[in-house]
Amino acid sequence: MAGMIIDPFERHVALDLHGYGVAAARRVARQLVREAWENGFHRITLVHGAAAAQRESIAWGTGYGVIKWQLRGLFLRGKWRQYLYHGGSRKHRLDAGCMRLAVRPNPAPRQPAEWSPLPPENY
């Protein structure tokens, strides 16, 4: 079940992408990364699941783990580089079922923080 947890004290936001299809998960993750930076947050956790999907080629063949590999591809190809530290940074952690990402500092974050509502699940 999709959902978002915001910790304003730790400046951390976590998003569970279960329940979204591939295109919606990409869109929601992209929006969250941008908004986390705009709000001056330090960390993002994207829970994508598919811990057993060890290789991208298997994910595409079976359909299991496609969101995981799509998000990792966006991250590793630098699609979020204006908001996150570079992909080789030790500040990030790509685990089997989630991605923990470090957000670049924003010199002028929004106060108070504002978040877009999550779209309905579509899976």
N, C-alpha and C. Protein backbone atom coordinates (compact mmCIF):
# COMPACT_ATOMS: atom_id res chain seq x y z
N MET A 1 0.84 -1.17 0.00
CA MET A 1 0.00 0.00 0.00
C MET A 1 0.89 1.24 0.00
N ALA A 2 0.66 2.12 -0.93
CA ALA A 2 1.45 3.34 -1.05
C ALA A 2 1.21 4.26 0.14
N GLY A 3 2.22 5.01 0.50
CA GLY A 3 2.08 5.95 1.60
C GLY A 3 3.37 6.72 1.82
N MET A 4 3.25 7.85 2.53
CA MET A 4 4.41 8.71 2.77
C MET A 4 4.48 9.03 4.26
N ILE A 5 5.70 8.96 4.79
CA ILE A 5 5.96 9.33 6.18
C ILE A 5 6.95 10.49 6.16
N ILE A 6 6.59 11.58 6.82
CA ILE A 6 7.43 12.78 6.86
C ILE A 6 7.89 13.00 8.29
N ASP A 7 9.21 13.08 8.47
CA ASP A 7 9.79 13.37 9.79
C ASP A 7 10.44 14.75 9.71
N PRO A 8 9.75 15.80 10.16
CA PRO A 8 10.29 17.16 10.04
C PRO A 8 11.48 17.41 10.96
N PHE A 9 11.63 16.63 12.02
CA PHE A 9 12.74 16.84 12.95
C PHE A 9 14.04 16.26 12.40
N GLU A 10 13.97 15.08 11.81
CA GLU A 10 15.15 14.46 11.18
C GLU A 10 15.33 14.93 9.74
N ARG A 11 14.34 15.66 9.21
CA ARG A 11 14.35 16.14 7.82
C ARG A 11 14.48 14.95 6.86
N HIS A 12 13.62 13.95 7.10
CA HIS A 12 13.62 12.71 6.33
C HIS A 12 12.20 12.44 5.85
N VAL A 13 12.08 11.98 4.62
CA VAL A 13 10.78 11.59 4.08
C VAL A 13 10.93 10.19 3.48
N ALA A 14 9.94 9.34 3.75
CA ALA A 14 9.93 7.98 3.22
C ALA A 14 8.66 7.78 2.41
N LEU A 15 8.81 7.12 1.28
CA LEU A 15 7.67 6.88 0.39
C LEU A 15 7.63 5.41 0.03
N ASP A 16 6.50 4.77 0.30
CA ASP A 16 6.28 3.38 -0.09
C ASP A 16 5.56 3.39 -1.43
N LEU A 17 6.18 2.82 -2.44
CA LEU A 17 5.64 2.86 -3.80
C LEU A 17 4.78 1.64 -4.15
N HIS A 18 4.55 0.75 -3.19
CA HIS A 18 3.69 -0.39 -3.46
C HIS A 18 2.30 0.10 -3.83
N GLY A 19 1.75 -0.45 -4.88
CA GLY A 19 0.42 -0.05 -5.33
C GLY A 19 0.45 0.81 -6.57
N TYR A 20 1.64 1.28 -6.95
CA TYR A 20 1.77 2.09 -8.16
C TYR A 20 2.32 1.25 -9.31
N GLY A 21 1.87 1.55 -10.51
CA GLY A 21 2.46 0.97 -11.70
C GLY A 21 3.80 1.65 -11.97
N VAL A 22 4.52 1.19 -12.96
CA VAL A 22 5.86 1.69 -13.25
C VAL A 22 5.87 3.18 -13.55
N ALA A 23 5.02 3.64 -14.47
CA ALA A 23 5.03 5.06 -14.86
C ALA A 23 4.64 5.94 -13.68
N ALA A 24 3.64 5.56 -12.91
CA ALA A 24 3.22 6.36 -11.77
C ALA A 24 4.30 6.38 -10.70
N ALA A 25 4.96 5.26 -10.46
CA ALA A 25 6.04 5.21 -9.46
C ALA A 25 7.18 6.14 -9.85
N ARG A 26 7.55 6.15 -11.11
CA ARG A 26 8.60 7.05 -11.59
C ARG A 26 8.21 8.51 -11.37
N ARG A 27 6.98 8.84 -11.73
CA ARG A 27 6.48 10.21 -11.60
C ARG A 27 6.43 10.65 -10.13
N VAL A 28 5.92 9.80 -9.27
CA VAL A 28 5.81 10.12 -7.85
C VAL A 28 7.19 10.25 -7.22
N ALA A 29 8.11 9.36 -7.56
CA ALA A 29 9.48 9.43 -7.02
C ALA A 29 10.18 10.70 -7.47
N ARG A 30 10.04 11.05 -8.74
CA ARG A 30 10.66 12.27 -9.28
C ARG A 30 10.12 13.51 -8.55
N GLN A 31 8.81 13.53 -8.32
CA GLN A 31 8.18 14.64 -7.61
C GLN A 31 8.68 14.71 -6.17
N LEU A 32 8.80 13.57 -5.51
CA LEU A 32 9.25 13.55 -4.12
C LEU A 32 10.70 14.03 -3.98
N VAL A 33 11.56 13.60 -4.88
CA VAL A 33 12.97 14.03 -4.83
C VAL A 33 13.05 15.55 -4.96
N ARG A 34 12.33 16.11 -5.91
CA ARG A 34 12.33 17.56 -6.10
C ARG A 34 11.78 18.28 -4.87
N GLU A 35 10.67 17.83 -4.35
CA GLU A 35 10.06 18.49 -3.20
C GLU A 35 10.90 18.34 -1.93
N ALA A 36 11.57 17.21 -1.76
CA ALA A 36 12.44 17.04 -0.59
C ALA A 36 13.54 18.09 -0.62
N TRP A 37 14.12 18.33 -1.80
CA TRP A 37 15.16 19.36 -1.92
C TRP A 37 14.56 20.75 -1.68
N GLU A 38 13.42 21.02 -2.31
CA GLU A 38 12.77 22.33 -2.14
C GLU A 38 12.44 22.62 -0.68
N ASN A 39 12.11 21.58 0.08
CA ASN A 39 11.73 21.74 1.49
C ASN A 39 12.93 21.66 2.44
N GLY A 40 14.13 21.46 1.90
CA GLY A 40 15.32 21.42 2.73
C GLY A 40 15.51 20.14 3.51
N PHE A 41 14.94 19.04 3.03
CA PHE A 41 15.12 17.76 3.72
C PHE A 41 16.48 17.17 3.39
N HIS A 42 16.98 16.27 4.26
CA HIS A 42 18.32 15.70 4.10
C HIS A 42 18.32 14.30 3.51
N ARG A 43 17.27 13.53 3.77
CA ARG A 43 17.24 12.13 3.38
C ARG A 43 15.88 11.76 2.78
N ILE A 44 15.93 10.82 1.85
CA ILE A 44 14.74 10.25 1.22
C ILE A 44 14.89 8.74 1.25
N THR A 45 13.81 8.05 1.57
CA THR A 45 13.78 6.60 1.42
C THR A 45 12.66 6.27 0.46
N LEU A 46 13.00 5.59 -0.63
CA LEU A 46 12.02 5.12 -1.60
C LEU A 46 11.91 3.61 -1.42
N VAL A 47 10.77 3.16 -0.93
CA VAL A 47 10.54 1.73 -0.73
C VAL A 47 9.90 1.19 -2.00
N HIS A 48 10.67 0.41 -2.75
CA HIS A 48 10.18 -0.11 -4.03
C HIS A 48 9.86 -1.59 -3.97
N GLY A 49 10.35 -2.29 -2.96
CA GLY A 49 10.11 -3.72 -2.85
C GLY A 49 10.98 -4.50 -3.82
N ALA A 50 10.56 -5.70 -4.17
CA ALA A 50 11.26 -6.59 -5.10
C ALA A 50 12.68 -6.89 -4.63
N ALA A 51 12.82 -7.22 -3.36
CA ALA A 51 14.14 -7.52 -2.80
C ALA A 51 14.81 -8.68 -3.51
N ALA A 52 14.03 -9.63 -4.01
CA ALA A 52 14.61 -10.80 -4.65
C ALA A 52 15.01 -10.56 -6.11
N ALA A 53 14.64 -9.42 -6.68
CA ALA A 53 14.99 -9.12 -8.08
C ALA A 53 16.44 -8.66 -8.13
N GLN A 54 17.34 -9.61 -8.33
CA GLN A 54 18.77 -9.33 -8.26
C GLN A 54 19.36 -8.75 -9.54
N ARG A 55 18.69 -8.98 -10.68
CA ARG A 55 19.22 -8.47 -11.94
C ARG A 55 18.12 -7.82 -12.77
N GLU A 56 18.48 -6.76 -13.44
CA GLU A 56 17.52 -6.01 -14.24
C GLU A 56 16.95 -6.85 -15.37
N SER A 57 17.77 -7.67 -16.01
CA SER A 57 17.29 -8.46 -17.13
C SER A 57 16.18 -9.43 -16.72
N ILE A 58 16.27 -9.97 -15.52
CA ILE A 58 15.21 -10.86 -15.02
C ILE A 58 13.95 -10.07 -14.74
N ALA A 59 14.10 -8.86 -14.22
CA ALA A 59 12.93 -8.02 -13.93
C ALA A 59 12.13 -7.76 -15.20
N TRP A 60 12.81 -7.42 -16.27
CA TRP A 60 12.09 -7.12 -17.52
C TRP A 60 11.44 -8.37 -18.07
N GLY A 61 12.06 -9.52 -17.88
CA GLY A 61 11.48 -10.76 -18.39
C GLY A 61 10.28 -11.23 -17.60
N THR A 62 10.26 -10.98 -16.30
CA THR A 62 9.20 -11.48 -15.44
C THR A 62 8.20 -10.41 -15.03
N GLY A 63 8.60 -9.14 -15.07
CA GLY A 63 7.75 -8.05 -14.60
C GLY A 63 7.94 -7.77 -13.12
N TYR A 64 8.66 -8.64 -12.43
CA TYR A 64 8.91 -8.49 -10.99
C TYR A 64 10.18 -7.66 -10.79
N GLY A 65 10.07 -6.50 -10.16
CA GLY A 65 11.23 -5.67 -9.87
C GLY A 65 11.49 -4.56 -10.88
N VAL A 66 10.56 -4.33 -11.78
CA VAL A 66 10.77 -3.30 -12.80
C VAL A 66 10.88 -1.91 -12.17
N ILE A 67 10.03 -1.60 -11.19
CA ILE A 67 10.09 -0.29 -10.54
C ILE A 67 11.45 -0.11 -9.88
N LYS A 68 11.94 -1.12 -9.21
CA LYS A 68 13.25 -1.07 -8.56
C LYS A 68 14.34 -0.67 -9.56
N TRP A 69 14.38 -1.35 -10.68
CA TRP A 69 15.44 -1.09 -11.65
C TRP A 69 15.23 0.22 -12.40
N GLN A 70 13.99 0.63 -12.59
CA GLN A 70 13.72 1.93 -13.21
C GLN A 70 14.24 3.06 -12.32
N LEU A 71 13.94 3.00 -11.02
CA LEU A 71 14.39 4.04 -10.10
C LEU A 71 15.91 4.04 -9.96
N ARG A 72 16.50 2.88 -9.87
CA ARG A 72 17.96 2.82 -9.78
C ARG A 72 18.60 3.39 -11.04
N GLY A 73 18.00 3.11 -12.18
CA GLY A 73 18.53 3.67 -13.42
C GLY A 73 18.47 5.18 -13.45
N LEU A 74 17.35 5.75 -13.04
CA LEU A 74 17.22 7.21 -12.98
C LEU A 74 18.29 7.80 -12.06
N PHE A 75 18.46 7.18 -10.91
CA PHE A 75 19.43 7.66 -9.94
C PHE A 75 20.87 7.53 -10.46
N LEU A 76 21.23 6.35 -10.94
CA LEU A 76 22.62 6.12 -11.35
C LEU A 76 23.00 6.86 -12.63
N ARG A 77 22.02 7.17 -13.48
CA ARG A 77 22.30 7.95 -14.69
C ARG A 77 22.31 9.45 -14.41
N GLY A 78 22.11 9.84 -13.15
CA GLY A 78 22.21 11.25 -12.77
C GLY A 78 21.00 12.09 -13.08
N LYS A 79 19.83 11.48 -13.24
CA LYS A 79 18.63 12.25 -13.58
C LYS A 79 18.20 13.17 -12.45
N TRP A 80 18.64 12.87 -11.22
CA TRP A 80 18.27 13.68 -10.07
C TRP A 80 19.46 14.44 -9.50
N ARG A 81 20.52 14.62 -10.30
CA ARG A 81 21.77 15.17 -9.76
C ARG A 81 21.64 16.59 -9.23
N GLN A 82 20.69 17.36 -9.71
CA GLN A 82 20.56 18.72 -9.17
C GLN A 82 19.99 18.70 -7.75
N TYR A 83 19.37 17.60 -7.36
CA TYR A 83 18.77 17.50 -6.03
C TYR A 83 19.53 16.57 -5.08
N LEU A 84 20.24 15.58 -5.63
CA LEU A 84 20.91 14.58 -4.81
C LEU A 84 22.42 14.63 -5.02
N TYR A 85 23.15 14.12 -4.05
CA TYR A 85 24.60 13.97 -4.22
C TYR A 85 24.85 12.98 -5.37
N HIS A 86 26.04 12.99 -5.94
CA HIS A 86 26.34 12.15 -7.10
C HIS A 86 26.16 10.67 -6.74
N GLY A 87 25.91 9.87 -7.76
CA GLY A 87 25.59 8.46 -7.57
C GLY A 87 26.66 7.65 -6.87
N GLY A 88 27.90 8.05 -6.96
CA GLY A 88 28.97 7.30 -6.31
C GLY A 88 29.19 7.68 -4.85
N SER A 89 28.43 8.62 -4.34
CA SER A 89 28.61 9.08 -2.98
C SER A 89 28.30 7.97 -1.99
N ARG A 90 29.08 7.92 -0.92
CA ARG A 90 28.85 6.93 0.13
C ARG A 90 27.69 7.33 1.03
N LYS A 91 27.08 8.48 0.76
CA LYS A 91 25.95 8.94 1.56
C LYS A 91 24.66 8.18 1.20
N HIS A 92 24.65 7.53 0.04
CA HIS A 92 23.48 6.79 -0.42
C HIS A 92 23.59 5.33 -0.02
N ARG A 93 22.43 4.68 0.02
CA ARG A 93 22.43 3.23 0.28
C ARG A 93 21.34 2.60 -0.58
N LEU A 94 21.75 1.74 -1.48
CA LEU A 94 20.80 1.03 -2.33
C LEU A 94 20.64 -0.38 -1.79
N ASP A 95 19.59 -0.59 -1.05
CA ASP A 95 19.33 -1.90 -0.46
C ASP A 95 18.45 -2.72 -1.39
N ALA A 96 18.22 -3.97 -1.02
CA ALA A 96 17.44 -4.87 -1.86
C ALA A 96 16.00 -4.40 -2.07
N GLY A 97 15.37 -3.82 -1.03
CA GLY A 97 13.97 -3.44 -1.14
C GLY A 97 13.70 -1.95 -1.10
N CYS A 98 14.77 -1.14 -0.95
CA CYS A 98 14.56 0.32 -0.91
C CYS A 98 15.85 1.05 -1.28
N MET A 99 15.69 2.34 -1.52
CA MET A 99 16.82 3.22 -1.81
C MET A 99 16.82 4.31 -0.75
N ARG A 100 17.96 4.52 -0.10
CA ARG A 100 18.10 5.61 0.87
C ARG A 100 19.04 6.64 0.23
N LEU A 101 18.50 7.81 -0.05
CA LEU A 101 19.22 8.81 -0.83
C LEU A 101 19.48 10.07 -0.01
N ALA A 102 20.66 10.64 -0.24
CA ALA A 102 21.06 11.87 0.46
C ALA A 102 20.78 13.07 -0.44
N VAL A 103 20.09 14.05 0.11
CA VAL A 103 19.67 15.24 -0.63
C VAL A 103 20.71 16.34 -0.46
N ARG A 104 21.01 17.03 -1.55
CA ARG A 104 21.92 18.17 -1.50
C ARG A 104 21.31 19.28 -0.64
N PRO A 105 22.12 20.09 0.00
CA PRO A 105 21.58 21.22 0.78
C PRO A 105 20.91 22.24 -0.14
N ASN A 106 19.81 22.79 0.33
CA ASN A 106 19.10 23.85 -0.37
C ASN A 106 19.36 25.14 0.42
N PRO A 107 19.98 26.15 -0.19
CA PRO A 107 20.29 27.38 0.54
C PRO A 107 19.05 28.18 0.95
N ALA A 108 17.92 27.95 0.30
CA ALA A 108 16.70 28.69 0.63
C ALA A 108 15.48 27.75 0.60
N PRO A 109 15.37 26.86 1.58
CA PRO A 109 14.25 25.92 1.57
C PRO A 109 12.92 26.60 1.86
N ARG A 110 11.86 25.98 1.39
CA ARG A 110 10.50 26.48 1.67
C ARG A 110 10.21 26.35 3.16
N GLN A 111 9.61 27.37 3.70
CA GLN A 111 9.18 27.35 5.10
C GLN A 111 7.77 27.90 5.16
N PRO A 112 6.80 27.15 5.58
CA PRO A 112 6.87 25.75 6.00
C PRO A 112 6.95 24.82 4.79
N ALA A 113 7.35 23.59 5.06
CA ALA A 113 7.45 22.59 4.00
C ALA A 113 6.07 22.31 3.40
N GLU A 114 6.05 22.11 2.10
CA GLU A 114 4.82 21.79 1.38
C GLU A 114 5.05 20.53 0.55
N TRP A 115 4.07 19.64 0.56
CA TRP A 115 4.16 18.39 -0.19
C TRP A 115 2.92 18.24 -1.05
N SER A 116 3.10 17.78 -2.25
CA SER A 116 1.96 17.49 -3.13
C SER A 116 1.26 16.24 -2.64
N PRO A 117 -0.05 16.16 -2.80
CA PRO A 117 -0.74 14.93 -2.42
C PRO A 117 -0.34 13.79 -3.34
N LEU A 118 -0.33 12.59 -2.79
CA LEU A 118 0.00 11.42 -3.60
C LEU A 118 -1.18 11.09 -4.51
N PRO A 119 -0.91 10.67 -5.72
CA PRO A 119 -2.00 10.24 -6.60
C PRO A 119 -2.56 8.90 -6.09
N PRO A 120 -3.76 8.54 -6.50
CA PRO A 120 -4.31 7.24 -6.09
C PRO A 120 -3.48 6.10 -6.64
N GLU A 121 -3.50 5.00 -5.93
CA GLU A 121 -2.79 3.81 -6.40
C GLU A 121 -3.42 3.33 -7.70
N ASN A 122 -2.60 2.73 -8.55
CA ASN A 122 -3.14 2.29 -9.84
C ASN A 122 -2.69 0.90 -10.22
N TYR A 123 -2.24 0.13 -9.28
CA TYR A 123 -1.73 -1.20 -9.59
C TYR A 123 -2.82 -2.22 -9.45
